[in-house]
């Protein structure tokens, strides 16, 4: 399976994706002070064979370190040459626009989180993918945390989950760019169905209250300061409770990429697009602290 890495060639996620598919030259990586240097691998025969970045030198460096055979001058050059495309976050919140030519070509495409900081644009991208029958996946890797796997797969249970709380330290970009991790960590366990959201926090300290259609309420807190945990979720059910710290980044990144590979093979996204759009509605409509405490309808 041939995959193209588009954008973010020297940004954390893009470097992680390249490492996990292709491995990396350890000596060269250390010399260049390049990459997160994860040991986990996606496995199988899928490889990143093409890389493009607006900064051609970044693309060339990624190719050298991770053994990517083709550096292309124009991103569209990979059309017809690859089976799938990874559009990596480049910290501009505009990375999603790079996916347009691939969706129009019907190529299975992963768009790094967030799908868009603008709900209308996110919905337009989803419609474009559907129109051209291009399998599309967009999510936070926290959906696939190792520590939540038993609950997600029903191998552990606390009965009906009645309320809960998720929190994360925001390193950059606020709720939409980074706090989305905590939102998806929670929703991976509760499932979709949020009716409304309100932000009762303040600047740099978001505190969302999510009301589900069945009247259950959950909260999400994001802090632009140290809170002693990167990603945590607390759940309370009719038969017990769980406090979970999602810490194994090597697992959740590599599992997300394995799910992408399955999508390329089957044409079916592991994350329904309506679930992705629900997440975008939550973070965009809950992005500003409320002045009157009123819930904002999202679904």
C-alpha atoms as a PDB file:
ATOM      1  CA  UNK A   1       0.000   0.000   0.000  1.00  0.00           C
ATOM      2  CA  UNK A   2       1.431   3.357  -1.075  1.00  0.00           C
ATOM      3  CA  UNK A   3       0.645   6.405   1.046  1.00  0.00           C
ATOM      4  CA  UNK A   4       1.419  10.093   0.592  1.00  0.00           C
ATOM      5  CA  UNK A   5       2.221  12.398   3.504  1.00  0.00           C
ATOM      6  CA  UNK A   6       0.936  15.874   2.706  1.00  0.00           C
ATOM      7  CA  UNK A   7       2.150  18.807   4.814  1.00  0.00           C
ATOM      8  CA  UNK A   8       3.464  18.916   8.362  1.00  0.00           C
ATOM      9  CA  UNK A   9       6.666  17.134   7.357  1.00  0.00           C
ATOM     10  CA  UNK A  10       8.606  18.615  10.280  1.00  0.00           C
ATOM     11  CA  UNK A  11       5.670  19.016  12.675  1.00  0.00           C
ATOM     12  CA  UNK A  12       5.122  16.504  15.501  1.00  0.00           C
ATOM     13  CA  UNK A  13       2.235  14.577  13.956  1.00  0.00           C
ATOM     14  CA  UNK A  14       3.726  14.399  10.470  1.00  0.00           C
ATOM     15  CA  UNK A  15       7.042  13.169  11.836  1.00  0.00           C
ATOM     16  CA  UNK A  16       5.238  10.613  13.994  1.00  0.00           C
ATOM     17  CA  UNK A  17       3.254   9.282  11.026  1.00  0.00           C
ATOM     18  CA  UNK A  18       6.410   8.922   8.920  1.00  0.00           C
ATOM     19  CA  UNK A  19       8.239   7.118  11.723  1.00  0.00           C
ATOM     20  CA  UNK A  20       5.413   4.699  12.424  1.00  0.00           C
ATOM     21  CA  UNK A  21       4.967   3.676   8.810  1.00  0.00           C
ATOM     22  CA  UNK A  22       8.582   3.638   7.618  1.00  0.00           C
ATOM     23  CA  UNK A  23      10.797   3.550  10.673  1.00  0.00           C
ATOM     24  CA  UNK A  24      13.706   5.978  10.774  1.00  0.00           C
ATOM     25  CA  UNK A  25      17.476   6.283  10.613  1.00  0.00           C
ATOM     26  CA  UNK A  26      18.335   6.540  14.301  1.00  0.00           C
ATOM     27  CA  UNK A  27      21.780   8.095  13.863  1.00  0.00           C
ATOM     28  CA  UNK A  28      20.578  10.663  11.347  1.00  0.00           C
ATOM     29  CA  UNK A  29      17.505  11.443  13.453  1.00  0.00           C
ATOM     30  CA  UNK A  30      19.659  12.181  16.498  1.00  0.00           C
ATOM     31  CA  UNK A  31      22.118  14.210  14.455  1.00  0.00           C
ATOM     32  CA  UNK A  32      19.346  16.371  13.033  1.00  0.00           C
ATOM     33  CA  UNK A  33      17.418  16.415  16.357  1.00  0.00           C
ATOM     34  CA  UNK A  34      14.490  15.186  14.311  1.00  0.00           C
ATOM     35  CA  UNK A  35      11.222  13.649  15.364  1.00  0.00           C
ATOM     36  CA  UNK A  36       9.577  12.121  18.413  1.00  0.00           C
ATOM     37  CA  UNK A  37      11.511   8.862  17.755  1.00  0.00           C
ATOM     38  CA  UNK A  38       8.658   6.458  18.499  1.00  0.00           C
ATOM     39  CA  UNK A  39       9.461   2.756  18.421  1.00  0.00           C
ATOM     40  CA  UNK A  40       5.906   1.642  17.595  1.00  0.00           C
ATOM     41  CA  UNK A  41       5.132   0.652  13.999  1.00  0.00           C
ATOM     42  CA  UNK A  42       1.908   0.355  12.042  1.00  0.00           C
ATOM     43  CA  UNK A  43       2.989  -3.024  10.692  1.00  0.00           C
ATOM     44  CA  UNK A  44       1.958  -4.729   7.466  1.00  0.00           C
ATOM     45  CA  UNK A  45       3.089  -3.624   4.035  1.00  0.00           C
ATOM     46  CA  UNK A  46       1.762  -0.056   4.003  1.00  0.00           C
ATOM     47  CA  UNK A  47       4.482   2.568   3.553  1.00  0.00           C
ATOM     48  CA  UNK A  48       4.732   6.298   3.002  1.00  0.00           C
ATOM     49  CA  UNK A  49       6.165   6.466  -0.492  1.00  0.00           C
ATOM     50  CA  UNK A  50       5.599  10.136  -1.329  1.00  0.00           C
ATOM     51  CA  UNK A  51       5.963  13.325   0.692  1.00  0.00           C
ATOM     52  CA  UNK A  52       5.078  16.933  -0.042  1.00  0.00           C
ATOM     53  CA  UNK A  53       5.464  20.045   2.041  1.00  0.00           C
ATOM     54  CA  UNK A  54       5.302  23.757   1.281  1.00  0.00           C
ATOM     55  CA  UNK A  55       8.823  23.803   2.695  1.00  0.00           C
ATOM     56  CA  UNK A  56      10.634  21.525   0.245  1.00  0.00           C
ATOM     57  CA  UNK A  57      13.626  21.206   2.570  1.00  0.00           C
ATOM     58  CA  UNK A  58      11.364  19.856   5.323  1.00  0.00           C
ATOM     59  CA  UNK A  59      10.007  17.270   2.883  1.00  0.00           C
ATOM     60  CA  UNK A  60      13.524  16.274   1.830  1.00  0.00           C
ATOM     61  CA  UNK A  61      14.614  15.888   5.449  1.00  0.00           C
ATOM     62  CA  UNK A  62      11.600  13.702   6.214  1.00  0.00           C
ATOM     63  CA  UNK A  63      12.450  11.584   3.166  1.00  0.00           C
ATOM     64  CA  UNK A  64      16.068  11.152   4.284  1.00  0.00           C
ATOM     65  CA  UNK A  65      15.278  10.241   7.874  1.00  0.00           C
ATOM     66  CA  UNK A  66      12.354   7.914   7.141  1.00  0.00           C
ATOM     67  CA  UNK A  67      13.346   6.459   3.792  1.00  0.00           C
ATOM     68  CA  UNK A  68      10.570   8.012   1.735  1.00  0.00           C
ATOM     69  CA  UNK A  69      11.548   7.470  -1.914  1.00  0.00           C
ATOM     70  CA  UNK A  70       9.648  10.303  -3.583  1.00  0.00           C
ATOM     71  CA  UNK A  71       9.623  14.031  -2.740  1.00  0.00           C
ATOM     72  CA  UNK A  72       7.136  15.821  -4.981  1.00  0.00           C
ATOM     73  CA  UNK A  73       7.113  19.501  -5.934  1.00  0.00           C
ATOM     74  CA  UNK A  74       3.325  19.712  -6.253  1.00  0.00           C
ATOM     75  CA  UNK A  75       0.992  17.859  -3.923  1.00  0.00           C
ATOM     76  CA  UNK A  76      -1.277  16.900  -6.814  1.00  0.00           C
ATOM     77  CA  UNK A  77       1.611  14.909  -8.308  1.00  0.00           C
ATOM     78  CA  UNK A  78       0.774  12.007  -5.979  1.00  0.00           C
ATOM     79  CA  UNK A  79      -2.652  11.496  -7.576  1.00  0.00           C
ATOM     80  CA  UNK A  80      -2.567   8.207  -9.442  1.00  0.00           C
ATOM     81  CA  UNK A  81       0.608   7.176  -7.615  1.00  0.00           C
ATOM     82  CA  UNK A  82      -0.734   6.311  -4.158  1.00  0.00           C
ATOM     83  CA  UNK A  83      -3.559   4.401  -2.528  1.00  0.00           C
ATOM     84  CA  UNK A  84      -4.186   6.822   0.332  1.00  0.00           C
ATOM     85  CA  UNK A  85      -3.278  10.271   1.619  1.00  0.00           C
ATOM     86  CA  UNK A  86      -2.424  11.539   5.110  1.00  0.00           C
ATOM     87  CA  UNK A  87      -2.960  15.284   5.500  1.00  0.00           C
ATOM     88  CA  UNK A  88      -1.005  16.115   8.651  1.00  0.00           C
ATOM     89  CA  UNK A  89      -1.617  18.981  11.039  1.00  0.00           C
ATOM     90  CA  UNK A  90       0.774  21.845  10.266  1.00  0.00           C
ATOM     91  CA  UNK A  91      -0.253  24.163  13.149  1.00  0.00           C
ATOM     92  CA  UNK A  92      -1.934  26.640  10.778  1.00  0.00           C
ATOM     93  CA  UNK A  93      -5.529  25.360  11.139  1.00  0.00           C
ATOM     94  CA  UNK A  94      -5.586  25.486   7.323  1.00  0.00           C
ATOM     95  CA  UNK A  95      -4.190  22.014   6.669  1.00  0.00           C
ATOM     96  CA  UNK A  96      -7.658  20.677   5.777  1.00  0.00           C
ATOM     97  CA  UNK A  97      -7.675  22.716   2.562  1.00  0.00           C
ATOM     98  CA  UNK A  98      -4.790  20.644   1.225  1.00  0.00           C
ATOM     99  CA  UNK A  99      -7.121  17.624   1.111  1.00  0.00           C
ATOM    100  CA  UNK A 100      -9.465  19.064  -1.530  1.00  0.00           C
ATOM    101  CA  UNK A 101      -7.742  17.726  -4.698  1.00  0.00           C
ATOM    102  CA  UNK A 102      -7.457  14.238  -3.213  1.00  0.00           C
ATOM    103  CA  UNK A 103     -11.101  14.100  -2.198  1.00  0.00           C
ATOM    104  CA  UNK A 104     -12.097  15.234  -5.684  1.00  0.00           C
ATOM    105  CA  UNK A 105      -9.968  12.401  -7.056  1.00  0.00           C
ATOM    106  CA  UNK A 106     -11.779   9.905  -4.818  1.00  0.00           C
ATOM    107  CA  UNK A 107      -8.648   8.950  -2.857  1.00  0.00           C
ATOM    108  CA  UNK A 108      -9.053   7.625   0.715  1.00  0.00           C
ATOM    109  CA  UNK A 109      -7.919  10.542   2.858  1.00  0.00           C
ATOM    110  CA  UNK A 110      -7.094  11.186   6.491  1.00  0.00           C
ATOM    111  CA  UNK A 111      -7.385  14.820   7.630  1.00  0.00           C
ATOM    112  CA  UNK A 112      -5.663  15.442  10.943  1.00  0.00           C
ATOM    113  CA  UNK A 113      -7.666  17.021  13.746  1.00  0.00           C
ATOM    114  CA  UNK A 114      -9.464  19.349  13.674  1.00  0.00           C
ATOM    115  CA  UNK A 115     -11.313  18.681  10.429  1.00  0.00           C
ATOM    116  CA  UNK A 116     -11.723  22.466  10.383  1.00  0.00           C
ATOM    117  CA  UNK A 117     -11.983  25.300  12.920  1.00  0.00           C
ATOM    118  CA  UNK A 118     -15.014  26.450  10.923  1.00  0.00           C
ATOM    119  CA  UNK A 119     -18.155  24.296  11.022  1.00  0.00           C
ATOM    120  CA  UNK A 120     -19.383  25.330   7.570  1.00  0.00           C
ATOM    121  CA  UNK A 121     -16.054  24.430   6.033  1.00  0.00           C
ATOM    122  CA  UNK A 122     -16.054  21.074   7.837  1.00  0.00           C
ATOM    123  CA  UNK A 123     -19.533  20.312   6.501  1.00  0.00           C
ATOM    124  CA  UNK A 124     -18.475  21.351   2.991  1.00  0.00           C
ATOM    125  CA  UNK A 125     -15.467  19.018   3.110  1.00  0.00           C
ATOM    126  CA  UNK A 126     -17.680  16.158   4.288  1.00  0.00           C
ATOM    127  CA  UNK A 127     -20.127  16.774   1.431  1.00  0.00           C
ATOM    128  CA  UNK A 128     -17.265  16.925  -1.074  1.00  0.00           C
ATOM    129  CA  UNK A 129     -15.940  13.553   0.096  1.00  0.00           C
ATOM    130  CA  UNK A 130     -19.403  12.020  -0.160  1.00  0.00           C
ATOM    131  CA  UNK A 131     -19.954  13.483  -3.632  1.00  0.00           C
ATOM    132  CA  UNK A 132     -16.742  11.972  -4.968  1.00  0.00           C
ATOM    133  CA  UNK A 133     -17.056   8.747  -2.949  1.00  0.00           C
ATOM    134  CA  UNK A 134     -13.741   9.419  -1.253  1.00  0.00           C
ATOM    135  CA  UNK A 135     -13.413   7.587   2.092  1.00  0.00           C
ATOM    136  CA  UNK A 136     -12.648  10.255   4.692  1.00  0.00           C
ATOM    137  CA  UNK A 137     -11.363   9.918   8.246  1.00  0.00           C
ATOM    138  CA  UNK A 138     -10.722  12.779  10.652  1.00  0.00           C
ATOM    139  CA  UNK A 139     -10.298  12.444  14.396  1.00  0.00           C
ATOM    140  CA  UNK A 140      -8.099  12.778  17.451  1.00  0.00           C
ATOM    141  CA  UNK A 141      -5.825   9.810  18.126  1.00  0.00           C
ATOM    142  CA  UNK A 142      -7.203   9.808  21.696  1.00  0.00           C
ATOM    143  CA  UNK A 143     -10.222   7.943  20.326  1.00  0.00           C
ATOM    144  CA  UNK A 144      -7.949   4.910  20.217  1.00  0.00           C
ATOM    145  CA  UNK A 145      -6.262   5.160  23.615  1.00  0.00           C
ATOM    146  CA  UNK A 146      -4.982   1.815  24.897  1.00  0.00           C
ATOM    147  CA  UNK A 147      -6.220   2.589  28.393  1.00  0.00           C
ATOM    148  CA  UNK A 148      -9.861   2.916  27.225  1.00  0.00           C
ATOM    149  CA  UNK A 149      -9.850  -0.104  24.920  1.00  0.00           C
ATOM    150  CA  UNK A 150     -11.461  -2.560  27.358  1.00  0.00           C
ATOM    151  CA  UNK A 151     -14.376  -0.196  28.005  1.00  0.00           C
ATOM    152  CA  UNK A 152     -14.790   0.653  24.324  1.00  0.00           C
ATOM    153  CA  UNK A 153     -14.857  -3.006  23.333  1.00  0.00           C
ATOM    154  CA  UNK A 154     -17.170  -4.096  26.159  1.00  0.00           C
ATOM    155  CA  UNK A 155     -14.539  -6.243  27.896  1.00  0.00           C
ATOM    156  CA  UNK A 156     -14.912  -3.999  30.941  1.00  0.00           C
ATOM    157  CA  UNK A 157     -18.148  -2.425  32.122  1.00  0.00           C
ATOM    158  CA  UNK A 158     -19.466  -0.076  34.761  1.00  0.00           C
ATOM    159  CA  UNK A 159     -23.011  -0.446  33.536  1.00  0.00           C
ATOM    160  CA  UNK A 160     -24.824   2.505  32.022  1.00  0.00           C
ATOM    161  CA  UNK A 161     -22.490   5.504  32.062  1.00  0.00           C
ATOM    162  CA  UNK A 162     -24.506   8.258  33.714  1.00  0.00           C
ATOM    163  CA  UNK A 163     -22.054  11.133  34.004  1.00  0.00           C
ATOM    164  CA  UNK A 164     -18.372  11.864  33.722  1.00  0.00           C
ATOM    165  CA  UNK A 165     -15.558  14.299  33.211  1.00  0.00           C
ATOM    166  CA  UNK A 166     -12.613  14.670  30.833  1.00  0.00           C
ATOM    167  CA  UNK A 167      -9.645  17.002  31.162  1.00  0.00           C
ATOM    168  CA  UNK A 168      -6.470  17.826  29.305  1.00  0.00           C
ATOM    169  CA  UNK A 169      -3.530  20.181  29.419  1.00  0.00           C
ATOM    170  CA  UNK A 170      -3.628  22.480  26.376  1.00  0.00           C
ATOM    171  CA  UNK A 171      -0.160  23.019  24.992  1.00  0.00           C
ATOM    172  CA  UNK A 172      -1.201  25.301  22.131  1.00  0.00           C
ATOM    173  CA  UNK A 173      -4.149  26.452  20.086  1.00  0.00           C
ATOM    174  CA  UNK A 174      -6.931  26.412  22.664  1.00  0.00           C
ATOM    175  CA  UNK A 175     -10.065  24.281  22.674  1.00  0.00           C
ATOM    176  CA  UNK A 176     -10.524  23.791  18.920  1.00  0.00           C
ATOM    177  CA  UNK A 177      -6.925  22.878  18.139  1.00  0.00           C
ATOM    178  CA  UNK A 178      -5.911  20.955  21.273  1.00  0.00           C
ATOM    179  CA  UNK A 179      -8.833  20.664  23.671  1.00  0.00           C
ATOM    180  CA  UNK A 180     -10.536  18.569  21.001  1.00  0.00           C
ATOM    181  CA  UNK A 181      -8.440  15.667  22.339  1.00  0.00           C
ATOM    182  CA  UNK A 182     -10.312  15.693  25.658  1.00  0.00           C
ATOM    183  CA  UNK A 183     -13.687  15.962  23.903  1.00  0.00           C
ATOM    184  CA  UNK A 184     -12.997  12.955  21.688  1.00  0.00           C
ATOM    185  CA  UNK A 185     -11.529  10.955  24.560  1.00  0.00           C
ATOM    186  CA  UNK A 186     -14.854  11.369  26.351  1.00  0.00           C
ATOM    187  CA  UNK A 187     -17.050  10.741  23.294  1.00  0.00           C
ATOM    188  CA  UNK A 188     -15.138   7.572  22.424  1.00  0.00           C
ATOM    189  CA  UNK A 189     -16.657   6.119  25.613  1.00  0.00           C
ATOM    190  CA  UNK A 190     -20.075   7.777  25.791  1.00  0.00           C
ATOM    191  CA  UNK A 191     -20.812   7.630  22.082  1.00  0.00           C
ATOM    192  CA  UNK A 192     -22.411  10.504  20.143  1.00  0.00           C
ATOM    193  CA  UNK A 193     -25.697  12.218  20.931  1.00  0.00           C
ATOM    194  CA  UNK A 194     -24.819  15.620  22.384  1.00  0.00           C
ATOM    195  CA  UNK A 195     -27.731  18.039  22.178  1.00  0.00           C
ATOM    196  CA  UNK A 196     -26.156  21.236  23.515  1.00  0.00           C
ATOM    197  CA  UNK A 197     -23.007  22.764  24.989  1.00  0.00           C
ATOM    198  CA  UNK A 198     -22.125  25.696  27.215  1.00  0.00           C
ATOM    199  CA  UNK A 199     -18.686  26.967  28.226  1.00  0.00           C
ATOM    200  CA  UNK A 200     -18.732  28.039  31.890  1.00  0.00           C
ATOM    201  CA  UNK A 201     -15.002  28.663  32.038  1.00  0.00           C
ATOM    202  CA  UNK A 202     -12.842  31.641  31.282  1.00  0.00           C
ATOM    203  CA  UNK A 203      -9.913  32.538  29.051  1.00  0.00           C
ATOM    204  CA  UNK A 204      -7.310  29.748  28.996  1.00  0.00           C
ATOM    205  CA  UNK A 205      -9.532  27.653  31.282  1.00  0.00           C
ATOM    206  CA  UNK A 206     -12.419  26.213  29.306  1.00  0.00           C
ATOM    207  CA  UNK A 207     -15.100  24.281  31.173  1.00  0.00           C
ATOM    208  CA  UNK A 208     -17.722  22.744  28.911  1.00  0.00           C
ATOM    209  CA  UNK A 209     -20.973  21.203  30.045  1.00  0.00           C
ATOM    210  CA  UNK A 210     -22.364  18.783  27.457  1.00  0.00           C
ATOM    211  CA  UNK A 211     -26.014  17.829  27.618  1.00  0.00           C
ATOM    212  CA  UNK A 212     -26.940  14.687  25.737  1.00  0.00           C
ATOM    213  CA  UNK A 213     -30.271  14.036  24.051  1.00  0.00           C
ATOM    214  CA  UNK A 214     -31.132  11.578  26.834  1.00  0.00           C
ATOM    215  CA  UNK A 215     -30.541  14.369  29.408  1.00  0.00           C
ATOM    216  CA  UNK A 216     -27.245  12.986  30.755  1.00  0.00           C
ATOM    217  CA  UNK A 217     -24.615  15.628  31.428  1.00  0.00           C
ATOM    218  CA  UNK A 218     -20.836  15.428  31.145  1.00  0.00           C
ATOM    219  CA  UNK A 219     -18.103  18.034  31.443  1.00  0.00           C
ATOM    220  CA  UNK A 220     -14.800  18.759  29.724  1.00  0.00           C
ATOM    221  CA  UNK A 221     -12.076  20.974  31.198  1.00  0.00           C
ATOM    222  CA  UNK A 222      -9.021  22.253  29.330  1.00  0.00           C
ATOM    223  CA  UNK A 223      -6.243  24.247  30.936  1.00  0.00           C
ATOM    224  CA  UNK A 224      -3.402  26.211  29.366  1.00  0.00           C
ATOM    225  CA  UNK A 225      -1.294  25.435  32.434  1.00  0.00           C
ATOM    226  CA  UNK A 226      -0.040  22.347  34.218  1.00  0.00           C
ATOM    227  CA  UNK A 227      -2.781  20.227  35.795  1.00  0.00           C
ATOM    228  CA  UNK A 228      -0.696  17.134  36.510  1.00  0.00           C
ATOM    229  CA  UNK A 229      -2.197  14.998  33.722  1.00  0.00           C
ATOM    230  CA  UNK A 230      -2.129  15.266  29.955  1.00  0.00           C
ATOM    231  CA  UNK A 231      -5.360  13.393  29.153  1.00  0.00           C
ATOM    232  CA  UNK A 232      -7.738  12.022  31.763  1.00  0.00           C
ATOM    233  CA  UNK A 233     -11.339  10.823  31.825  1.00  0.00           C
ATOM    234  CA  UNK A 234     -13.485   9.926  34.846  1.00  0.00           C
ATOM    235  CA  UNK A 235     -16.679   7.943  34.281  1.00  0.00           C
ATOM    236  CA  UNK A 236     -19.480   7.090  36.678  1.00  0.00           C
ATOM    237  CA  UNK A 237     -21.904   4.270  35.914  1.00  0.00           C
ATOM    238  CA  UNK A 238     -24.687   2.356  37.594  1.00  0.00           C
ATOM    239  CA  UNK A 239     -22.264  -0.418  38.600  1.00  0.00           C
ATOM    240  CA  UNK A 240     -19.037   1.417  39.276  1.00  0.00           C
ATOM    241  CA  UNK A 241     -16.601   4.075  38.128  1.00  0.00           C
ATOM    242  CA  UNK A 242     -13.301   4.385  36.280  1.00  0.00           C
ATOM    243  CA  UNK A 243     -10.531   6.987  36.359  1.00  0.00           C
ATOM    244  CA  UNK A 244      -8.389   6.631  33.258  1.00  0.00           C
ATOM    245  CA  UNK A 245      -5.172   8.391  32.262  1.00  0.00           C
ATOM    246  CA  UNK A 246      -4.430   8.051  28.546  1.00  0.00           C
ATOM    247  CA  UNK A 247      -0.657   8.042  28.452  1.00  0.00           C
ATOM    248  CA  UNK A 248       0.552   5.600  25.793  1.00  0.00           C
ATOM    249  CA  UNK A 249       1.044   7.916  22.832  1.00  0.00           C
ATOM    250  CA  UNK A 250       2.861   5.273  20.839  1.00  0.00           C
ATOM    251  CA  UNK A 251      -0.233   3.099  20.998  1.00  0.00           C
ATOM    252  CA  UNK A 252      -2.922   5.649  20.216  1.00  0.00           C
ATOM    253  CA  UNK A 253      -1.027   7.141  17.268  1.00  0.00           C
ATOM    254  CA  UNK A 254      -0.119   3.773  15.739  1.00  0.00           C
ATOM    255  CA  UNK A 255      -3.635   2.382  16.272  1.00  0.00           C
ATOM    256  CA  UNK A 256      -5.168   5.418  14.570  1.00  0.00           C
ATOM    257  CA  UNK A 257      -2.887   4.833  11.590  1.00  0.00           C
ATOM    258  CA  UNK A 258      -3.797   1.130  11.500  1.00  0.00           C
ATOM    259  CA  UNK A 259      -7.442   2.174  11.376  1.00  0.00           C
ATOM    260  CA  UNK A 260      -6.598   4.478   8.456  1.00  0.00           C
ATOM    261  CA  UNK A 261      -4.985   1.558   6.627  1.00  0.00           C
ATOM    262  CA  UNK A 262      -8.162  -0.477   7.141  1.00  0.00           C
ATOM    263  CA  UNK A 263     -10.164   2.388   5.667  1.00  0.00           C
ATOM    264  CA  UNK A 264      -7.961   2.416   2.575  1.00  0.00           C
ATOM    265  CA  UNK A 265      -8.494  -1.352   2.248  1.00  0.00           C
ATOM    266  CA  UNK A 266     -12.242  -1.402   2.878  1.00  0.00           C
ATOM    267  CA  UNK A 267     -13.406   2.067   1.860  1.00  0.00           C
ATOM    268  CA  UNK A 268     -15.171   2.490   5.210  1.00  0.00           C
ATOM    269  CA  UNK A 269     -14.071   5.012   7.834  1.00  0.00           C
ATOM    270  CA  UNK A 270     -13.769   3.735  11.432  1.00  0.00           C
ATOM    271  CA  UNK A 271     -15.155   7.082  12.627  1.00  0.00           C
ATOM    272  CA  UNK A 272     -18.526   8.005  11.082  1.00  0.00           C
ATOM    273  CA  UNK A 273     -18.364  11.468   9.570  1.00  0.00           C
ATOM    274  CA  UNK A 274     -21.421  12.568  11.536  1.00  0.00           C
ATOM    275  CA  UNK A 275     -19.502  11.775  14.736  1.00  0.00           C
ATOM    276  CA  UNK A 276     -16.606  13.895  13.526  1.00  0.00           C
ATOM    277  CA  UNK A 277     -18.947  16.766  12.675  1.00  0.00           C
ATOM    278  CA  UNK A 278     -20.567  16.502  16.106  1.00  0.00           C
ATOM    279  CA  UNK A 279     -17.141  16.974  17.668  1.00  0.00           C
ATOM    280  CA  UNK A 280     -16.502  20.026  15.498  1.00  0.00           C
ATOM    281  CA  UNK A 281     -19.879  21.474  16.507  1.00  0.00           C
ATOM    282  CA  UNK A 282     -19.003  21.019  20.173  1.00  0.00           C
ATOM    283  CA  UNK A 283     -15.587  22.686  20.035  1.00  0.00           C
ATOM    284  CA  UNK A 284     -16.602  25.525  17.709  1.00  0.00           C
ATOM    285  CA  UNK A 285     -19.860  26.410  19.458  1.00  0.00           C
ATOM    286  CA  UNK A 286     -18.361  25.902  22.894  1.00  0.00           C
ATOM    287  CA  UNK A 287     -15.161  27.768  22.109  1.00  0.00           C
ATOM    288  CA  UNK A 288     -16.010  30.970  23.978  1.00  0.00           C
ATOM    289  CA  UNK A 289     -16.988  31.327  27.636  1.00  0.00           C
ATOM    290  CA  UNK A 290     -20.705  32.027  27.966  1.00  0.00           C
ATOM    291  CA  UNK A 291     -21.917  35.406  29.212  1.00  0.00           C
ATOM    292  CA  UNK A 292     -25.365  34.170  30.224  1.00  0.00           C
ATOM    293  CA  UNK A 293     -24.815  30.460  30.935  1.00  0.00           C
ATOM    294  CA  UNK A 294     -27.271  29.354  28.268  1.00  0.00           C
ATOM    295  CA  UNK A 295     -26.736  26.088  26.440  1.00  0.00           C
ATOM    296  CA  UNK A 296     -26.038  26.347  22.711  1.00  0.00           C
ATOM    297  CA  UNK A 297     -27.857  23.777  20.592  1.00  0.00           C
ATOM    298  CA  UNK A 298     -25.630  21.595  18.429  1.00  0.00           C
ATOM    299  CA  UNK A 299     -27.842  18.727  17.335  1.00  0.00           C
END
